[in-house]
Amino acid sequence: MQTTFTEDQLEDPATKMSNDILRTCVHCGFCTATCPTYKILGDELDSPRGRIYLIKDMLENERVPDEKTVKHIDRCLSCLACMTTCPSGVHYMHLVDHAREYIETTYKRPWSDRILRWVLAKILPYPMRFRIALLGAKIGRPFARFIPDVRLQAMLEMAPKTIPPVSRNDDPQTFPTQNKKMRVALMTGCAQKALNTDINDATIRLLTRLGAEVVVAEGAGCCGALTHHMGKTSESHTTAAKNIKAWTREMQGDGLDAIVINTSGCGTTIKDYGHMFSKTDLAENAKAVAGIAMDVSEILMKLDLPVGGAENLTVAYHAACSLQHGQQIKTFPKDLLKKAGFKVAEPADSHLCCGSAGTYNLMQPEISKQLKSLKVQTLEAVKPDIIAAGNIGCMMQIGGGTDIPIVHTVELLDWATGGPKPPALTASEKMSPKIPILR
């Protein structure tokens, strides 16, 4: 793609980066075949190629974004399926991130949008605030149908029926192991700690059982992804910097072999810390942190997971976009589930997003619901006993559309290697009371 940025414009590192990305695009349109919003809406401007044209025009002319441009960029899920498909290697993620930051600093949104974004940025990354908000949403949920704003309806409908008690495993501490093979830091996250404490608990049990000493670092918290994808760079960098400093202290202390992440949306962002902080005084530490960041499935492939025997259970594996496209991890979770003894079924169109995408299901609920419906249909079509996923957002989204129990992959692996039965399965009336497990 030909660009016409001036020399003065290219002195800005972000603009220079976007220029380089834009120039790699050859207009081939392969990205449209795998773009969820293009599949749903059929509008060229709701495809990666269309958005690239809008971003190019906006940045080159340094113009205040118009409503049309903002609408189509806001509709992007950042699922990154286009990056998997693109034969030219267009780094769409960095380009759309720059566009969102530009919009955030130059465009005045309607007051209702500003309030919604402010509320999400000030609540979701903070577990205790989020817990209080979930309690309020739970109380207000019966009245959702009387609220005219579909986004507020979506916020109320998202509230789970039960809010788990705080897990003390998420407090800063070290979990020892026998036959120590490595020392890892577990990122406990933010929203996940309020929505589902079973995931971190299962991760700690499984890793320590397999020989990893697990540390929850003092000062670590939200990865910054939620605000980063809203274009709120200052807020996202503030929270991300706390993680970098917390994990750097552990690396310089007793050392770390890996930073383990069991929420794939967070993993994509943390692995990008080196880029996010490349022009700051944290650049070296951020690069080091990103270099040892691993999804939990990656670290489990390095450990000796025992062969399991749960042969009578069919697991439909949902590949989270942030895992298969953002981190290019496609086979590890399925390989691990098969080794643990589960029969793994992958649904059709597994490359398509479920519609969760961080805060997308709250800010674009109509499109999100259509994508959820498609995803649930494909998952139910393989007639599974269980649905497994590696991202809490996907689990909440899909779980709201099906009666089939959905659990994190690591919960099944923990169960198959001697851990307790996942609570989500215990609560399901569809599950057999006796299921074969390892040993």
Protein backbone atom coordinates (compact mmCIF):
# COMPACT_ATOMS: atom_id res chain seq x y z
CA MET A 1 0.00 0.00 0.00
CA GLN A 2 1.35 3.41 -0.95
CA THR A 3 1.45 6.00 1.83
CA THR A 4 2.14 9.75 1.83
CA PHE A 5 3.21 10.56 5.36
CA THR A 6 5.52 13.59 5.58
CA GLU A 7 9.02 13.47 7.06
CA ASP A 8 7.76 15.47 10.04
CA GLN A 9 4.97 12.96 10.65
CA LEU A 10 7.39 10.04 10.46
CA GLU A 11 9.48 11.52 13.27
CA ASP A 12 6.75 10.23 15.60
CA PRO A 13 7.65 6.58 16.40
CA ALA A 14 4.01 5.43 16.44
CA THR A 15 3.29 7.02 13.08
CA LYS A 16 6.46 5.56 11.59
CA MET A 17 5.46 2.12 12.85
CA SER A 18 1.97 2.46 11.36
CA ASN A 19 3.45 3.64 8.07
CA ASP A 20 5.66 0.54 7.91
CA ILE A 21 2.66 -1.69 8.67
CA LEU A 22 0.45 0.01 6.09
CA ARG A 23 3.11 -0.42 3.40
CA THR A 24 3.10 -4.20 3.89
CA CYS A 25 -0.59 -4.48 2.95
CA VAL A 26 -1.13 -5.53 -0.69
CA HIS A 27 -4.97 -5.24 -0.74
CA CYS A 28 -5.34 -8.99 -1.36
CA GLY A 29 -8.47 -9.35 0.76
CA PHE A 30 -7.57 -12.74 2.25
CA CYS A 31 -8.36 -11.20 5.65
CA THR A 32 -12.03 -10.76 4.77
CA ALA A 33 -12.50 -14.53 4.65
CA THR A 34 -11.72 -14.95 8.35
CA CYS A 35 -13.00 -11.65 9.80
CA PRO A 36 -15.97 -12.24 12.14
CA THR A 37 -17.50 -8.78 11.71
CA TYR A 38 -17.30 -9.01 7.93
CA LYS A 39 -18.98 -12.40 8.12
CA ILE A 40 -21.81 -10.96 10.22
CA LEU A 41 -22.22 -7.52 8.63
CA GLY A 42 -20.91 -7.97 5.06
CA ASP A 43 -19.55 -4.42 4.98
CA GLU A 44 -16.08 -3.86 3.51
CA LEU A 45 -15.43 -1.20 6.16
CA ASP A 46 -16.05 -3.86 8.81
CA SER A 47 -13.20 -5.97 7.43
CA PRO A 48 -9.50 -5.54 8.25
CA ARG A 49 -8.80 -4.23 4.74
CA GLY A 50 -11.56 -1.64 5.04
CA ARG A 51 -10.39 -0.54 8.47
CA ILE A 52 -6.83 -0.24 7.20
CA TYR A 53 -8.02 2.26 4.58
CA LEU A 54 -9.88 4.24 7.26
CA ILE A 55 -6.85 4.25 9.56
CA LYS A 56 -4.52 5.30 6.74
CA ASP A 57 -6.74 8.24 5.80
CA MET A 58 -7.16 9.32 9.41
CA LEU A 59 -3.47 9.20 10.30
CA GLU A 60 -2.09 10.62 7.06
CA ASN A 61 -4.39 13.63 7.16
CA GLU A 62 -4.08 14.02 10.92
CA ARG A 63 -7.78 14.65 11.01
CA VAL A 64 -10.19 14.42 13.88
CA PRO A 65 -11.91 11.06 13.35
CA ASP A 66 -15.50 11.24 12.16
CA GLU A 67 -18.34 9.13 13.53
CA LYS A 68 -18.15 6.70 10.60
CA THR A 69 -14.46 5.95 11.12
CA VAL A 70 -14.87 5.49 14.86
CA LYS A 71 -17.88 3.21 14.39
CA HIS A 72 -16.05 0.76 12.14
CA ILE A 73 -12.85 0.72 14.19
CA ASP A 74 -14.87 0.24 17.39
CA ARG A 75 -16.53 -2.77 15.76
CA CYS A 76 -13.17 -4.54 15.42
CA LEU A 77 -12.89 -7.39 17.93
CA SER A 78 -9.08 -7.48 17.81
CA CYS A 79 -9.48 -11.24 17.36
CA LEU A 80 -6.41 -11.10 15.06
CA ALA A 81 -7.69 -13.83 12.75
CA CYS A 82 -6.61 -11.51 9.95
CA MET A 83 -2.99 -11.75 11.12
CA THR A 84 -3.12 -15.54 10.94
CA THR A 85 -4.55 -15.34 7.42
CA CYS A 86 -2.47 -12.48 5.98
CA PRO A 87 0.19 -13.72 3.53
CA SER A 88 2.06 -10.40 3.70
CA GLY A 89 2.56 -10.31 7.47
CA VAL A 90 0.59 -7.11 8.14
CA HIS A 91 0.84 -6.46 11.89
CA TYR A 92 -2.76 -5.38 12.23
CA MET A 93 -2.69 -5.56 16.05
CA HIS A 94 -0.18 -2.73 16.43
CA LEU A 95 -1.91 -0.70 13.73
CA VAL A 96 -5.38 -0.84 15.27
CA ASP A 97 -3.91 -0.21 18.73
CA HIS A 98 -2.36 3.01 17.40
CA ALA A 99 -5.66 3.97 15.77
CA ARG A 100 -7.54 3.49 19.03
CA GLU A 101 -5.05 5.58 20.96
CA TYR A 102 -5.35 8.30 18.30
CA ILE A 103 -9.15 8.22 18.52
CA GLU A 104 -9.07 8.34 22.30
CA THR A 105 -6.97 11.52 22.27
CA THR A 106 -8.66 13.36 19.39
CA TYR A 107 -12.33 12.31 19.23
CA LYS A 108 -15.04 13.39 21.65
CA ARG A 109 -17.45 10.52 22.07
CA PRO A 110 -21.12 10.94 23.03
CA TRP A 111 -21.52 11.35 26.78
CA SER A 112 -23.06 7.87 27.20
CA ASP A 113 -20.03 6.26 25.52
CA ARG A 114 -17.62 8.26 27.65
CA ILE A 115 -19.38 7.24 30.85
CA LEU A 116 -19.52 3.56 29.86
CA ARG A 117 -15.83 3.47 28.97
CA TRP A 118 -14.90 5.30 32.15
CA VAL A 119 -16.91 2.86 34.27
CA LEU A 120 -15.37 -0.20 32.57
CA ALA A 121 -11.84 1.20 32.91
CA LYS A 122 -12.33 2.03 36.58
CA ILE A 123 -14.04 -1.23 37.61
CA LEU A 124 -13.02 -4.30 35.57
CA PRO A 125 -9.25 -4.15 36.22
CA TYR A 126 -9.82 -3.97 40.00
CA PRO A 127 -11.11 -7.26 41.48
CA MET A 128 -12.80 -5.85 44.60
CA ARG A 129 -14.52 -3.06 42.68
CA PHE A 130 -15.60 -5.62 40.11
CA ARG A 131 -17.02 -7.90 42.80
CA ILE A 132 -19.14 -5.05 44.16
CA ALA A 133 -20.31 -4.20 40.63
CA LEU A 134 -21.22 -7.84 40.00
CA LEU A 135 -23.26 -7.91 43.18
CA GLY A 136 -25.11 -4.78 42.04
CA ALA A 137 -25.65 -6.26 38.58
CA LYS A 138 -26.96 -9.48 40.11
CA ILE A 139 -29.54 -7.49 42.06
CA GLY A 140 -30.53 -5.48 39.01
CA ARG A 141 -30.56 -8.37 36.56
CA PRO A 142 -34.34 -9.11 36.84
CA PHE A 143 -35.00 -5.55 35.67
CA ALA A 144 -32.68 -5.66 32.64
CA ARG A 145 -35.52 -5.90 30.12
CA PHE A 146 -36.88 -2.53 31.27
CA ILE A 147 -33.62 -0.71 30.49
CA PRO A 148 -33.59 0.86 26.99
CA ASP A 149 -29.79 0.89 26.56
CA VAL A 150 -28.73 -2.53 25.21
CA ARG A 151 -25.22 -2.03 26.57
CA LEU A 152 -26.51 -1.61 30.12
CA GLN A 153 -28.69 -4.67 29.57
CA ALA A 154 -25.58 -6.61 28.55
CA MET A 155 -23.76 -5.51 31.70
CA LEU A 156 -26.61 -6.76 33.89
CA GLU A 157 -26.98 -10.02 31.98
CA MET A 158 -23.24 -10.73 32.32
CA ALA A 159 -23.50 -11.02 36.09
CA PRO A 160 -23.06 -14.68 37.15
CA LYS A 161 -25.69 -16.37 39.28
CA THR A 162 -23.13 -16.87 42.02
CA ILE A 163 -20.08 -14.81 42.89
CA PRO A 164 -17.28 -16.98 44.30
CA PRO A 165 -15.64 -16.06 47.60
CA VAL A 166 -12.18 -14.55 47.45
CA SER A 167 -9.47 -17.19 47.08
CA ARG A 168 -6.52 -16.67 49.39
CA ASN A 169 -4.39 -18.48 46.81
CA ASP A 170 -4.42 -15.19 44.88
CA ASP A 171 -2.55 -13.43 47.70
CA PRO A 172 1.22 -12.85 47.28
CA GLN A 173 3.00 -16.02 48.44
CA THR A 174 5.04 -19.01 47.29
CA PHE A 175 3.67 -22.50 46.74
CA PRO A 176 6.41 -25.12 47.22
CA THR A 177 6.76 -28.34 45.26
CA GLN A 178 8.44 -31.69 45.62
CA ASN A 179 11.12 -32.62 43.07
CA LYS A 180 11.48 -28.99 42.01
CA LYS A 181 12.08 -28.60 38.27
CA MET A 182 11.47 -24.88 37.86
CA ARG A 183 10.26 -21.72 39.54
CA VAL A 184 7.45 -19.76 37.90
CA ALA A 185 5.34 -16.70 38.65
CA LEU A 186 1.59 -17.05 38.17
CA MET A 187 -0.28 -14.06 36.87
CA THR A 188 -3.53 -14.15 38.86
CA GLY A 189 -5.21 -11.45 36.76
CA CYS A 190 -8.04 -9.09 37.65
CA ALA A 191 -11.54 -9.89 36.33
CA GLN A 192 -10.85 -13.62 36.54
CA LYS A 193 -10.25 -13.36 40.29
CA ALA A 194 -13.78 -12.01 40.71
CA LEU A 195 -15.57 -14.24 38.20
CA ASN A 196 -13.94 -17.65 38.69
CA THR A 197 -11.41 -18.49 41.40
CA ASP A 198 -11.32 -22.18 40.41
CA ILE A 199 -8.94 -21.50 37.49
CA ASN A 200 -6.03 -20.14 39.51
CA ASP A 201 -6.57 -22.74 42.23
CA ALA A 202 -6.41 -25.56 39.67
CA THR A 203 -3.36 -24.02 37.98
CA ILE A 204 -1.44 -23.87 41.26
CA ARG A 205 -2.33 -27.47 42.16
CA LEU A 206 -1.35 -28.78 38.74
CA LEU A 207 1.93 -26.89 38.42
CA THR A 208 3.14 -27.79 41.92
CA ARG A 209 2.13 -31.43 41.36
CA LEU A 210 4.27 -31.51 38.22
CA GLY A 211 7.34 -29.97 39.85
CA ALA A 212 7.00 -26.20 39.48
CA GLU A 213 7.40 -23.89 42.45
CA VAL A 214 4.74 -21.20 41.99
CA VAL A 215 5.07 -17.64 43.24
CA VAL A 216 2.35 -15.01 43.25
CA ALA A 217 4.37 -11.81 43.10
CA GLU A 218 3.71 -8.87 45.39
CA GLY A 219 2.42 -5.90 43.37
CA ALA A 220 1.33 -7.76 40.23
CA GLY A 221 -2.22 -7.30 39.00
CA CYS A 222 -4.11 -6.38 35.84
CA CYS A 223 -2.09 -6.84 32.64
CA GLY A 224 -3.47 -3.61 31.14
CA ALA A 225 -5.24 -5.24 28.19
CA LEU A 226 -8.72 -3.89 28.96
CA THR A 227 -7.67 -0.24 28.94
CA HIS A 228 -5.05 -0.81 26.24
CA HIS A 229 -7.73 -1.89 23.77
CA MET A 230 -9.79 1.19 24.64
CA GLY A 231 -6.88 3.40 23.59
CA LYS A 232 -6.28 4.51 27.18
CA THR A 233 -2.52 4.18 26.96
CA SER A 234 -1.64 6.00 30.17
CA GLU A 235 -3.89 3.78 32.26
CA SER A 236 -2.83 0.56 30.58
CA HIS A 237 0.87 1.38 30.92
CA THR A 238 0.44 2.25 34.60
CA THR A 239 -0.98 -1.17 35.47
CA ALA A 240 1.37 -3.03 33.13
CA ALA A 241 4.38 -1.25 34.65
CA LYS A 242 3.43 -2.60 38.09
CA ASN A 243 3.61 -6.13 36.69
CA ILE A 244 6.96 -5.51 35.04
CA LYS A 245 8.42 -4.19 38.29
CA ALA A 246 6.91 -7.01 40.39
CA TRP A 247 8.16 -9.78 38.11
CA THR A 248 11.55 -8.14 37.63
CA ARG A 249 12.06 -8.25 41.40
CA GLU A 250 11.35 -11.99 41.34
CA MET A 251 13.67 -12.49 38.36
CA GLN A 252 16.48 -10.66 40.13
CA GLY A 253 15.77 -12.42 43.43
CA ASP A 254 15.37 -16.19 43.37
CA GLY A 255 14.95 -16.19 39.60
CA LEU A 256 12.08 -17.18 37.33
CA ASP A 257 11.93 -19.76 34.57
CA ALA A 258 8.61 -18.45 33.32
CA ILE A 259 5.68 -16.15 33.94
CA VAL A 260 2.59 -18.35 33.58
CA ILE A 261 -0.66 -16.90 32.28
CA ASN A 262 -3.93 -18.83 32.25
CA THR A 263 -6.03 -16.08 30.65
CA SER A 264 -4.98 -15.97 27.03
CA GLY A 265 -6.15 -12.39 26.47
CA CYS A 266 -3.68 -11.29 29.12
CA GLY A 267 -0.98 -13.48 27.60
CA THR A 268 -1.17 -11.74 24.22
CA THR A 269 -0.71 -8.36 25.90
CA ILE A 270 2.09 -9.40 28.27
CA LYS A 271 4.03 -10.97 25.41
CA ASP A 272 3.78 -7.55 23.72
CA TYR A 273 5.21 -5.62 26.69
CA GLY A 274 8.54 -5.31 24.91
CA HIS A 275 6.86 -3.36 22.11
CA MET A 276 4.56 -1.37 24.40
CA PHE A 277 7.45 -0.11 26.53
CA SER A 278 10.16 0.06 23.84
CA LYS A 279 10.50 3.85 24.12
CA THR A 280 10.49 4.00 27.93
CA ASP A 281 12.95 3.51 30.75
CA LEU A 282 11.33 0.12 31.39
CA ALA A 283 12.21 -1.14 27.92
CA GLU A 284 14.87 -3.65 28.99
CA ASN A 285 12.84 -5.11 31.85
CA ALA A 286 9.66 -5.19 29.75
CA LYS A 287 11.46 -7.13 27.04
CA ALA A 288 12.82 -9.58 29.62
CA VAL A 289 9.35 -10.12 31.11
CA ALA A 290 7.78 -10.64 27.69
CA GLY A 291 10.55 -13.09 26.84
CA ILE A 292 9.62 -15.54 29.60
CA ALA A 293 5.83 -15.06 29.49
CA MET A 294 4.07 -18.33 28.65
CA ASP A 295 0.53 -19.54 28.38
CA VAL A 296 -0.14 -22.31 30.89
CA SER A 297 -0.38 -24.82 28.03
CA GLU A 298 3.16 -23.90 26.93
CA ILE A 299 4.64 -24.53 30.37
CA LEU A 300 2.70 -27.78 30.76
CA MET A 301 4.23 -29.05 27.53
CA LYS A 302 7.63 -28.62 29.21
CA LEU A 303 6.57 -30.59 32.27
CA ASP A 304 5.85 -34.31 32.41
CA LEU A 305 2.06 -34.50 32.33
CA PRO A 306 1.03 -38.08 33.13
CA VAL A 307 -1.02 -40.10 30.69
CA GLY A 308 -4.66 -40.09 31.81
CA GLY A 309 -7.63 -42.39 31.39
CA ALA A 310 -10.82 -40.30 31.06
CA GLU A 311 -11.66 -41.99 27.78
CA ASN A 312 -15.45 -41.78 28.00
CA LEU A 313 -15.63 -37.98 28.01
CA THR A 314 -15.83 -35.86 24.86
CA VAL A 315 -14.44 -32.36 25.24
CA ALA A 316 -15.26 -29.68 22.69
CA TYR A 317 -12.21 -27.46 22.62
CA HIS A 318 -12.86 -23.77 22.00
CA ALA A 319 -9.76 -22.07 20.66
CA ALA A 320 -9.67 -18.56 22.12
CA CYS A 321 -8.66 -15.95 19.52
CA SER A 322 -5.98 -14.51 21.78
CA LEU A 323 -4.43 -17.97 22.02
CA GLN A 324 -4.66 -19.26 18.44
CA HIS A 325 -4.20 -15.91 16.65
CA GLY A 326 -2.62 -13.60 19.21
CA GLN A 327 -0.06 -16.13 20.49
CA GLN A 328 -0.19 -18.65 17.64
CA ILE A 329 -0.72 -21.51 20.10
CA LYS A 330 -2.95 -23.94 18.24
CA THR A 331 -2.24 -27.53 19.24
CA PHE A 332 -0.84 -27.56 22.80
CA PRO A 333 -4.18 -27.45 24.70
CA LYS A 334 -5.64 -30.20 22.51
CA ASP A 335 -2.49 -32.31 22.81
CA LEU A 336 -2.57 -32.01 26.59
CA LEU A 337 -6.25 -32.91 26.82
CA LYS A 338 -5.71 -35.97 24.64
CA LYS A 339 -2.73 -37.04 26.73
CA ALA A 340 -4.89 -36.71 29.84
CA GLY A 341 -7.30 -39.19 28.29
CA PHE A 342 -10.08 -36.97 26.94
CA LYS A 343 -11.61 -37.35 23.51
CA VAL A 344 -11.16 -33.92 21.92
CA ALA A 345 -13.59 -32.58 19.33
CA GLU A 346 -12.94 -29.27 17.57
CA PRO A 347 -15.97 -27.47 16.13
CA ALA A 348 -16.34 -26.12 12.61
CA ASP A 349 -15.20 -22.52 11.99
CA SER A 350 -12.98 -22.75 15.06
CA HIS A 351 -11.06 -19.69 13.83
CA LEU A 352 -14.08 -17.43 14.42
CA CYS A 353 -14.40 -15.32 17.56
CA CYS A 354 -17.08 -16.08 20.16
CA GLY A 355 -17.80 -12.36 20.52
CA SER A 356 -16.42 -11.81 24.01
CA ALA A 357 -13.19 -9.98 23.10
CA GLY A 358 -12.50 -8.27 26.42
CA THR A 359 -15.16 -5.58 26.83
CA TYR A 360 -16.58 -6.03 23.32
CA ASN A 361 -19.63 -7.95 24.52
CA LEU A 362 -20.48 -4.95 26.71
CA MET A 363 -19.80 -2.22 24.16
CA GLN A 364 -21.04 -3.99 21.01
CA PRO A 365 -23.69 -6.36 22.43
CA GLU A 366 -25.72 -6.84 19.23
CA ILE A 367 -22.78 -8.11 17.16
CA SER A 368 -21.44 -10.03 20.15
CA LYS A 369 -24.71 -11.92 20.59
CA GLN A 370 -24.75 -12.96 16.94
CA LEU A 371 -21.21 -14.30 17.21
CA LYS A 372 -22.03 -16.10 20.45
CA SER A 373 -24.99 -17.80 18.81
CA LEU A 374 -22.83 -19.02 15.92
CA LYS A 375 -20.13 -20.26 18.27
CA VAL A 376 -22.56 -22.10 20.54
CA GLN A 377 -24.18 -23.80 17.56
CA THR A 378 -20.85 -25.14 16.30
CA LEU A 379 -19.80 -26.32 19.77
CA GLU A 380 -23.09 -28.07 20.48
CA ALA A 381 -22.99 -29.71 17.04
CA VAL A 382 -20.13 -32.01 18.12
CA LYS A 383 -22.28 -33.22 21.05
CA PRO A 384 -19.68 -32.85 23.79
CA ASP A 385 -19.93 -33.71 27.47
CA ILE A 386 -17.82 -30.67 28.34
CA ILE A 387 -16.58 -27.50 26.64
CA ALA A 388 -13.02 -26.41 27.43
CA ALA A 389 -11.41 -23.03 26.81
CA GLY A 390 -8.31 -21.14 27.88
CA ASN A 391 -9.78 -17.70 28.48
CA ILE A 392 -12.25 -16.51 31.13
CA GLY A 393 -13.95 -14.07 28.74
CA CYS A 394 -14.76 -16.86 26.29
CA MET A 395 -15.97 -19.07 29.12
CA MET A 396 -18.40 -16.42 30.35
CA GLN A 397 -19.59 -15.61 26.84
CA ILE A 398 -20.18 -19.20 25.70
CA GLY A 399 -21.49 -20.30 29.09
CA GLY A 400 -24.27 -17.75 28.78
CA GLY A 401 -25.60 -19.49 25.68
CA THR A 402 -25.47 -23.21 26.45
CA ASP A 403 -26.32 -25.70 29.18
CA ILE A 404 -23.20 -27.76 28.44
CA PRO A 405 -20.73 -27.16 31.28
CA ILE A 406 -17.72 -25.09 30.31
CA VAL A 407 -14.44 -25.17 32.21
CA HIS A 408 -10.88 -24.02 31.76
CA THR A 409 -8.55 -26.51 30.11
CA VAL A 410 -6.29 -26.48 33.15
CA GLU A 411 -9.19 -27.56 35.39
CA LEU A 412 -9.63 -30.73 33.34
CA LEU A 413 -5.90 -31.44 33.37
CA ASP A 414 -5.76 -30.92 37.13
CA TRP A 415 -8.71 -33.28 37.60
CA ALA A 416 -7.21 -35.96 35.35
CA THR A 417 -3.96 -35.92 37.33
CA GLY A 418 -5.40 -36.27 40.80
CA GLY A 419 -7.08 -32.94 41.51
CA PRO A 420 -10.73 -32.41 42.46
CA LYS A 421 -13.57 -32.54 40.01
CA PRO A 422 -14.15 -29.05 38.54
CA PRO A 423 -17.00 -27.36 40.43
CA ALA A 424 -18.73 -26.48 37.16
CA LEU A 425 -19.03 -30.19 36.41
CA THR A 426 -20.16 -31.07 39.90
CA ALA A 427 -22.97 -28.53 39.57
CA SER A 428 -24.10 -29.87 36.21
CA GLU A 429 -26.96 -32.37 36.30
CA LYS A 430 -25.87 -33.68 32.90
CA MET A 431 -22.62 -35.10 34.19
CA SER A 432 -22.31 -38.72 35.21
CA PRO A 433 -21.66 -39.17 38.95
CA LYS A 434 -18.79 -41.50 38.15
CA ILE A 435 -16.29 -40.53 35.49
CA PRO A 436 -13.00 -42.39 34.97
CA ILE A 437 -9.96 -40.33 35.84
CA LEU A 438 -6.26 -40.93 36.00
CA ARG A 439 -5.29 -43.37 38.75
